[in-house]
Amino acid sequence: MRVSQTQGSFPAVLIQDPDARLGHPPEDLEEELAAALPETQGPRFFPMLRNLGWHLVAFILLGAAAYILWREFHEISLAELAAAIAAWGWGSVALGLGLSATSFLLMGTIEWLGLRWAGAKIAVTSALAGSFIASAIAHTLGANLIVSGAVRARYYAKHGISLRQVAATTLFHGFSFTVGLSTLAGLALLLAGSRDIASVSRIANPVADWLGVILLSGVTAYVILCATLRRPLSGFGHSVRLPSVRTALAQLSIGAVDNAVAAAIIWVLLPEGSVGYLTFVGAYAPSVVVGLVSHVPGGVGVFEGSVSTLLKGLAPAPLAAAFLGYRLFFFLLPLLIAGVALALDTLRERGRTSS
């Protein structure tokens, strides 16, 4: 999805930013990046109504999540939680870490495709590194578009990639996540056995079927638009050119596998046979969305509360342990590694410019 700022009726092309060419990102990087992105997250989109609405939504969701988590887990003792973690075994720990690494590798592949679509020329290894640093930090801090875009801009500045190209790549990455998660959730809701859904899920079978059809219909409509629409889509003072149908299919397929791998991190840490994978994904996918909508950093608490609400009959201690493993393998460890990598890269660039 190539992004260009519109001036009157004439769309401007992606312009190389002079600061980016010199390897020095501008000081007000977040503000300039917000201007390059569609105005759905910036402070200029109905500022008072938006701020009040999102704060209210976040407060309600966080309060509901706190109550749900207390209701589900307040009777768990530390000994029970420790026993559930010990029951993982080294094999499950290694598998969880491997799934987390695979997910970030898939995100890096999407990143490289997005950079190529935006017209940037960069080595695959640099794209993988930039994607890992941006995604690991944004996953934990929240406000994914702005945070990940700002991190990308600072990291890619030395490669001569402009803010417009960073904004296009960030949107491409976000859309890949959206269509991938929708594809995965739609297939899971339709393919999960009705008996499994009835026994461990609070999503009624007719609702699951209809949600699956709606999600897959939306993904199909996106692919059809990419195949047939030749002109850019305009709105909020920006225009977005949809990718080719081949690129759209790559987005949804890689995005679906990426989300499937991320969901499996929790699933492999649960006791064997406690819930089917497809049924679990049917609860995981909407919970990810609820966590993002809440604007709580990392969706922490809100995501766990949603999964706990949508699933039933699972032993609380193993479920709580699986949540802790997910946060450790997919959030905290990547954040630590990304923070160290970004600091070392910054020091290396400063040493290079000062010498």
Protein backbone atom coordinates (compact mmCIF):
# COMPACT_ATOMS: atom_id res chain seq x y z
CA MET A 1 0.00 0.00 0.00
CA ARG A 2 1.85 3.02 -1.20
CA VAL A 3 1.07 6.22 0.69
CA SER A 4 1.24 9.71 -0.72
CA GLN A 5 0.19 13.07 0.72
CA THR A 6 -2.44 14.81 -1.40
CA GLN A 7 -2.34 18.49 -2.21
CA GLY A 8 -5.56 19.60 -3.84
CA SER A 9 -6.41 17.03 -6.49
CA PHE A 10 -2.85 16.12 -7.34
CA PRO A 11 -1.25 13.25 -5.35
CA ALA A 12 2.40 13.75 -4.56
CA VAL A 13 4.85 10.92 -5.07
CA LEU A 14 6.90 9.39 -2.30
CA ILE A 15 9.56 12.02 -1.71
CA GLN A 16 12.94 11.14 -0.28
CA ASP A 17 13.45 13.08 2.95
CA PRO A 18 16.75 15.01 2.92
CA ASP A 19 17.42 14.28 6.59
CA ALA A 20 16.90 10.58 5.99
CA ARG A 21 19.38 10.60 3.11
CA LEU A 22 22.00 12.06 5.38
CA GLY A 23 21.32 9.39 7.99
CA HIS A 24 20.00 11.88 10.57
CA PRO A 25 16.29 11.54 11.36
CA PRO A 26 14.55 14.82 12.19
CA GLU A 27 14.14 15.77 15.84
CA ASP A 28 10.32 15.76 15.81
CA LEU A 29 10.27 12.30 14.29
CA GLU A 30 7.03 11.09 15.86
CA GLU A 31 5.14 14.22 14.78
CA GLU A 32 6.39 14.03 11.19
CA LEU A 33 5.66 10.32 11.01
CA ALA A 34 2.15 10.90 12.34
CA ALA A 35 1.67 13.43 9.55
CA ALA A 36 2.74 10.81 7.01
CA LEU A 37 0.28 8.24 8.34
CA PRO A 38 -3.50 8.45 7.80
CA GLU A 39 -5.02 10.59 10.53
CA THR A 40 -6.65 7.81 12.50
CA GLN A 41 -4.12 7.78 15.31
CA GLY A 42 -2.84 11.33 15.27
CA PRO A 43 -4.10 14.11 17.54
CA ARG A 44 -5.85 15.90 14.65
CA PHE A 45 -8.60 13.30 14.14
CA PHE A 46 -11.52 14.74 16.12
CA PRO A 47 -9.09 15.37 18.99
CA MET A 48 -11.44 15.90 21.91
CA LEU A 49 -13.91 13.19 20.95
CA ARG A 50 -11.21 10.70 20.09
CA ASN A 51 -9.18 11.23 23.24
CA LEU A 52 -12.23 11.05 25.49
CA GLY A 53 -13.61 8.00 23.70
CA TRP A 54 -10.40 5.99 23.75
CA HIS A 55 -9.68 6.84 27.38
CA LEU A 56 -13.19 5.72 28.28
CA VAL A 57 -12.87 2.50 26.27
CA ALA A 58 -9.48 1.74 27.81
CA PHE A 59 -10.82 2.39 31.32
CA ILE A 60 -13.86 0.15 30.81
CA LEU A 61 -11.88 -2.68 29.21
CA LEU A 62 -9.13 -2.53 31.82
CA GLY A 63 -11.68 -2.54 34.65
CA ALA A 64 -13.56 -5.45 33.11
CA ALA A 65 -10.29 -7.33 32.58
CA ALA A 66 -9.24 -6.78 36.20
CA TYR A 67 -12.54 -8.18 37.44
CA ILE A 68 -12.40 -11.19 35.09
CA LEU A 69 -8.82 -12.01 36.00
CA TRP A 70 -9.62 -11.73 39.72
CA ARG A 71 -12.68 -13.96 39.29
CA GLU A 72 -10.80 -16.61 37.34
CA PHE A 73 -7.46 -16.65 39.13
CA HIS A 74 -7.79 -15.25 42.66
CA GLU A 75 -7.87 -18.70 44.22
CA ILE A 76 -4.61 -19.82 42.60
CA SER A 77 -1.69 -20.21 45.00
CA LEU A 78 1.93 -19.58 44.06
CA ALA A 79 2.61 -23.27 44.59
CA GLU A 80 -0.07 -24.21 42.04
CA LEU A 81 1.28 -21.67 39.55
CA ALA A 82 4.84 -22.93 40.02
CA ALA A 83 3.67 -26.52 39.55
CA ALA A 84 1.90 -25.58 36.31
CA ILE A 85 5.07 -23.90 35.01
CA ALA A 86 7.20 -26.90 36.02
CA ALA A 87 4.79 -29.14 34.09
CA TRP A 88 5.80 -27.47 30.82
CA GLY A 89 9.06 -29.36 30.55
CA TRP A 90 12.08 -28.19 28.60
CA GLY A 91 10.52 -29.36 25.35
CA SER A 92 7.57 -27.00 25.66
CA VAL A 93 9.86 -24.14 26.68
CA ALA A 94 12.08 -24.71 23.64
CA LEU A 95 9.02 -24.99 21.40
CA GLY A 96 7.56 -21.75 22.77
CA LEU A 97 10.83 -19.90 22.21
CA GLY A 98 11.11 -21.36 18.71
CA LEU A 99 7.56 -20.31 17.86
CA SER A 100 8.27 -16.79 19.07
CA ALA A 101 11.42 -16.58 16.92
CA THR A 102 9.47 -17.93 13.93
CA SER A 103 6.77 -15.30 14.38
CA PHE A 104 9.32 -12.48 14.38
CA LEU A 105 10.98 -14.01 11.30
CA LEU A 106 7.63 -13.98 9.49
CA MET A 107 7.06 -10.37 10.55
CA GLY A 108 10.48 -9.57 9.09
CA THR A 109 9.48 -11.18 5.80
CA ILE A 110 6.39 -8.97 5.67
CA GLU A 111 8.61 -5.99 6.50
CA TRP A 112 10.90 -6.70 3.57
CA LEU A 113 7.92 -7.03 1.21
CA GLY A 114 6.54 -3.74 2.53
CA LEU A 115 9.85 -1.94 2.05
CA ARG A 116 10.09 -3.21 -1.52
CA TRP A 117 6.51 -2.09 -2.18
CA ALA A 118 7.33 1.35 -0.80
CA GLY A 119 10.22 1.61 -3.26
CA ALA A 120 13.02 1.17 -0.71
CA LYS A 121 16.07 -0.90 -1.53
CA ILE A 122 17.49 -2.67 1.49
CA ALA A 123 19.14 -5.98 2.29
CA VAL A 124 16.92 -8.72 3.70
CA THR A 125 19.04 -8.97 6.85
CA SER A 126 18.64 -5.24 7.55
CA ALA A 127 14.87 -5.51 7.04
CA LEU A 128 14.69 -8.47 9.42
CA ALA A 129 16.66 -6.56 12.06
CA GLY A 130 14.58 -3.41 11.67
CA SER A 131 11.35 -5.36 11.84
CA PHE A 132 12.39 -7.24 14.96
CA ILE A 133 13.43 -4.09 16.84
CA ALA A 134 10.32 -2.13 15.81
CA SER A 135 7.86 -4.97 16.46
CA ALA A 136 9.36 -6.05 19.78
CA ILE A 137 9.23 -2.52 21.16
CA ALA A 138 5.80 -1.64 19.73
CA HIS A 139 4.23 -4.91 20.96
CA THR A 140 5.01 -3.97 24.53
CA LEU A 141 4.55 -0.19 24.49
CA GLY A 142 1.33 -0.11 22.44
CA ALA A 143 0.25 2.58 19.90
CA ASN A 144 1.72 0.25 17.30
CA LEU A 145 1.60 2.42 14.19
CA ILE A 146 3.30 5.46 15.69
CA VAL A 147 5.75 3.63 17.97
CA SER A 148 6.85 1.03 15.42
CA GLY A 149 6.98 3.68 12.69
CA ALA A 150 9.19 5.95 14.81
CA VAL A 151 11.56 3.09 15.63
CA ARG A 152 11.69 2.09 11.97
CA ALA A 153 12.44 5.65 10.88
CA ARG A 154 15.37 5.95 13.27
CA TYR A 155 16.78 2.55 12.36
CA TYR A 156 16.33 2.87 8.58
CA ALA A 157 17.62 6.46 8.35
CA LYS A 158 21.17 5.22 7.74
CA HIS A 159 19.86 3.22 4.77
CA GLY A 160 18.46 6.34 3.09
CA ILE A 161 14.81 5.36 3.56
CA SER A 162 12.46 8.34 3.76
CA LEU A 163 9.64 8.94 6.24
CA ARG A 164 7.10 8.41 3.44
CA GLN A 165 8.56 4.99 2.75
CA VAL A 166 8.62 4.19 6.46
CA ALA A 167 4.96 5.23 6.74
CA ALA A 168 4.04 3.07 3.74
CA THR A 169 5.92 0.10 5.20
CA THR A 170 4.27 0.57 8.59
CA LEU A 171 0.79 0.60 7.03
CA PHE A 172 1.68 -2.41 4.87
CA HIS A 173 2.78 -4.27 7.99
CA GLY A 174 -0.39 -3.30 9.86
CA PHE A 175 -2.65 -4.36 7.00
CA SER A 176 -0.82 -7.68 6.69
CA PHE A 177 -1.47 -8.31 10.37
CA THR A 178 -5.15 -7.40 9.97
CA VAL A 179 -5.92 -9.55 6.94
CA GLY A 180 -3.79 -12.37 8.32
CA LEU A 181 -5.56 -12.38 11.68
CA SER A 182 -8.95 -12.17 9.95
CA THR A 183 -8.07 -15.10 7.68
CA LEU A 184 -6.85 -17.21 10.58
CA ALA A 185 -9.84 -16.41 12.80
CA GLY A 186 -12.35 -16.98 10.00
CA LEU A 187 -10.91 -20.39 9.12
CA ALA A 188 -10.62 -21.41 12.77
CA LEU A 189 -14.22 -20.49 13.58
CA LEU A 190 -15.54 -22.38 10.56
CA LEU A 191 -13.30 -25.45 10.83
CA ALA A 192 -13.35 -26.01 14.60
CA GLY A 193 -15.61 -28.90 15.47
CA SER A 194 -19.02 -27.92 16.82
CA ARG A 195 -18.62 -30.34 19.74
CA ASP A 196 -15.27 -28.79 20.72
CA ILE A 197 -16.69 -25.27 20.51
CA ALA A 198 -19.70 -26.23 22.60
CA SER A 199 -17.58 -27.89 25.30
CA VAL A 200 -14.80 -25.34 25.87
CA SER A 201 -15.86 -22.10 24.15
CA ARG A 202 -18.47 -19.52 25.12
CA ILE A 203 -18.89 -18.59 21.44
CA ALA A 204 -22.12 -20.20 20.25
CA ASN A 205 -21.83 -22.37 17.13
CA PRO A 206 -24.10 -20.18 14.93
CA VAL A 207 -22.20 -17.07 16.05
CA ALA A 208 -18.87 -18.76 15.28
CA ASP A 209 -20.06 -19.73 11.81
CA TRP A 210 -21.37 -16.27 10.99
CA LEU A 211 -18.24 -14.56 12.32
CA GLY A 212 -16.10 -16.88 10.22
CA VAL A 213 -18.08 -16.09 7.08
CA ILE A 214 -17.95 -12.33 7.74
CA LEU A 215 -14.20 -12.32 8.37
CA LEU A 216 -13.37 -14.37 5.29
CA SER A 217 -15.75 -12.26 3.19
CA GLY A 218 -13.90 -9.14 4.27
CA VAL A 219 -10.55 -10.69 3.35
CA THR A 220 -11.96 -11.81 -0.01
CA ALA A 221 -13.26 -8.30 -0.70
CA TYR A 222 -9.79 -6.88 0.04
CA VAL A 223 -8.14 -9.29 -2.41
CA ILE A 224 -10.76 -8.47 -5.09
CA LEU A 225 -10.16 -4.74 -4.61
CA CYS A 226 -6.42 -5.28 -4.99
CA ALA A 227 -7.05 -7.24 -8.20
CA THR A 228 -9.48 -4.76 -9.79
CA LEU A 229 -8.94 -1.26 -8.37
CA ARG A 230 -6.27 0.67 -10.23
CA ARG A 231 -6.69 4.13 -8.71
CA PRO A 232 -5.62 5.13 -5.18
CA LEU A 233 -8.12 5.25 -2.32
CA SER A 234 -8.30 8.74 -0.84
CA GLY A 235 -9.32 9.88 2.63
CA PHE A 236 -8.20 12.03 5.57
CA GLY A 237 -5.95 14.07 3.28
CA HIS A 238 -3.99 11.02 2.11
CA SER A 239 -4.18 8.53 -0.72
CA VAL A 240 -3.41 4.84 -0.44
CA ARG A 241 -2.58 2.74 -3.48
CA LEU A 242 -3.51 -0.88 -2.88
CA PRO A 243 -0.90 -3.57 -3.60
CA SER A 244 -1.14 -6.05 -6.46
CA VAL A 245 -3.21 -9.17 -6.00
CA ARG A 246 -0.04 -11.28 -5.67
CA THR A 247 1.23 -9.03 -2.90
CA ALA A 248 -2.17 -9.09 -1.19
CA LEU A 249 -2.18 -12.89 -1.24
CA ALA A 250 1.32 -12.86 0.25
CA GLN A 251 0.09 -10.47 2.94
CA LEU A 252 -2.82 -12.65 4.03
CA SER A 253 -0.94 -15.96 3.80
CA ILE A 254 2.17 -14.85 5.69
CA GLY A 255 0.07 -12.81 8.11
CA ALA A 256 -2.19 -15.80 8.81
CA VAL A 257 0.76 -18.12 9.45
CA ASP A 258 2.41 -15.48 11.66
CA ASN A 259 -0.71 -15.13 13.83
CA ALA A 260 -1.17 -18.91 13.90
CA VAL A 261 2.38 -19.31 15.20
CA ALA A 262 1.88 -16.58 17.83
CA ALA A 263 -1.32 -18.25 19.07
CA ALA A 264 0.48 -21.57 19.30
CA ILE A 265 2.90 -20.11 21.87
CA ILE A 266 0.12 -20.16 24.47
CA TRP A 267 -1.50 -23.35 23.20
CA VAL A 268 1.65 -25.50 23.50
CA LEU A 269 2.05 -24.37 27.13
CA LEU A 270 -1.46 -25.60 28.05
CA PRO A 271 -1.98 -29.17 29.27
CA GLU A 272 -2.31 -31.58 26.38
CA GLY A 273 -5.89 -32.13 25.30
CA SER A 274 -7.33 -29.22 27.29
CA VAL A 275 -8.59 -27.37 24.20
CA GLY A 276 -8.36 -27.91 20.46
CA TYR A 277 -6.04 -25.58 18.57
CA LEU A 278 -8.68 -24.18 16.21
CA THR A 279 -11.09 -23.57 19.09
CA PHE A 280 -8.33 -21.81 20.98
CA VAL A 281 -7.57 -19.60 17.97
CA GLY A 282 -11.26 -18.68 17.84
CA ALA A 283 -10.81 -17.13 21.30
CA TYR A 284 -7.26 -15.84 20.73
CA ALA A 285 -7.98 -13.74 17.62
CA PRO A 286 -10.77 -11.51 19.01
CA SER A 287 -8.82 -11.17 22.26
CA VAL A 288 -5.85 -9.74 20.34
CA VAL A 289 -8.18 -7.19 18.76
CA VAL A 290 -9.69 -6.27 22.14
CA GLY A 291 -6.20 -5.81 23.55
CA LEU A 292 -5.26 -3.48 20.68
CA VAL A 293 -8.49 -1.48 20.95
CA SER A 294 -7.96 -0.99 24.68
CA HIS A 295 -4.77 1.02 24.04
CA VAL A 296 -3.34 -0.63 27.17
CA PRO A 297 0.39 -1.23 26.54
CA GLY A 298 0.72 -4.72 25.10
CA GLY A 299 -2.97 -5.30 25.84
CA VAL A 300 -1.75 -6.70 29.16
CA GLY A 301 -4.61 -7.92 31.32
CA VAL A 302 -7.23 -7.08 28.70
CA PHE A 303 -6.05 -9.83 26.35
CA GLU A 304 -5.86 -12.39 29.14
CA GLY A 305 -9.27 -11.39 30.47
CA SER A 306 -10.84 -11.77 27.03
CA VAL A 307 -9.34 -15.22 26.44
CA SER A 308 -10.47 -16.33 29.91
CA THR A 309 -13.99 -15.12 29.12
CA LEU A 310 -14.27 -16.81 25.74
CA LEU A 311 -12.92 -20.16 26.93
CA LYS A 312 -14.48 -22.27 29.65
CA GLY A 313 -13.61 -25.37 31.58
CA LEU A 314 -9.82 -24.81 31.55
CA ALA A 315 -7.94 -25.27 34.80
CA PRO A 316 -7.01 -21.76 36.01
CA ALA A 317 -3.43 -22.47 37.13
CA PRO A 318 -2.20 -23.93 33.79
CA LEU A 319 -3.99 -21.13 31.89
CA ALA A 320 -2.38 -18.44 34.06
CA ALA A 321 1.01 -20.13 33.63
CA ALA A 322 0.54 -20.20 29.85
CA PHE A 323 -0.26 -16.48 29.88
CA LEU A 324 2.95 -15.80 31.81
CA GLY A 325 4.96 -17.89 29.34
CA TYR A 326 3.41 -16.03 26.42
CA ARG A 327 4.31 -12.67 27.94
CA LEU A 328 7.86 -13.84 28.64
CA PHE A 329 8.59 -15.54 25.30
CA PHE A 330 6.77 -13.12 22.98
CA PHE A 331 7.04 -9.78 24.79
CA LEU A 332 9.63 -9.42 27.54
CA LEU A 333 12.56 -11.38 26.07
CA PRO A 334 12.18 -9.82 22.58
CA LEU A 335 11.85 -6.37 24.17
CA LEU A 336 15.08 -6.90 26.13
CA ILE A 337 16.97 -8.12 23.06
CA ALA A 338 15.55 -5.34 20.85
CA GLY A 339 16.42 -2.66 23.42
CA VAL A 340 20.02 -3.84 23.63
CA ALA A 341 20.28 -4.13 19.83
CA LEU A 342 18.87 -0.63 19.29
CA ALA A 343 21.21 0.86 21.89
CA LEU A 344 24.25 -0.83 20.33
CA ASP A 345 23.19 0.28 16.85
CA THR A 346 22.74 3.87 18.07
CA LEU A 347 26.18 3.89 19.73
CA ARG A 348 27.77 2.43 16.60
CA GLU A 349 26.18 5.07 14.37
CA ARG A 350 27.24 7.87 16.72
CA GLY A 351 30.78 6.55 16.73
CA ARG A 352 30.76 6.36 12.93
CA THR A 353 29.50 9.94 12.49
CA SER A 354 31.90 11.38 15.08
CA SER A 355 34.97 9.71 13.58
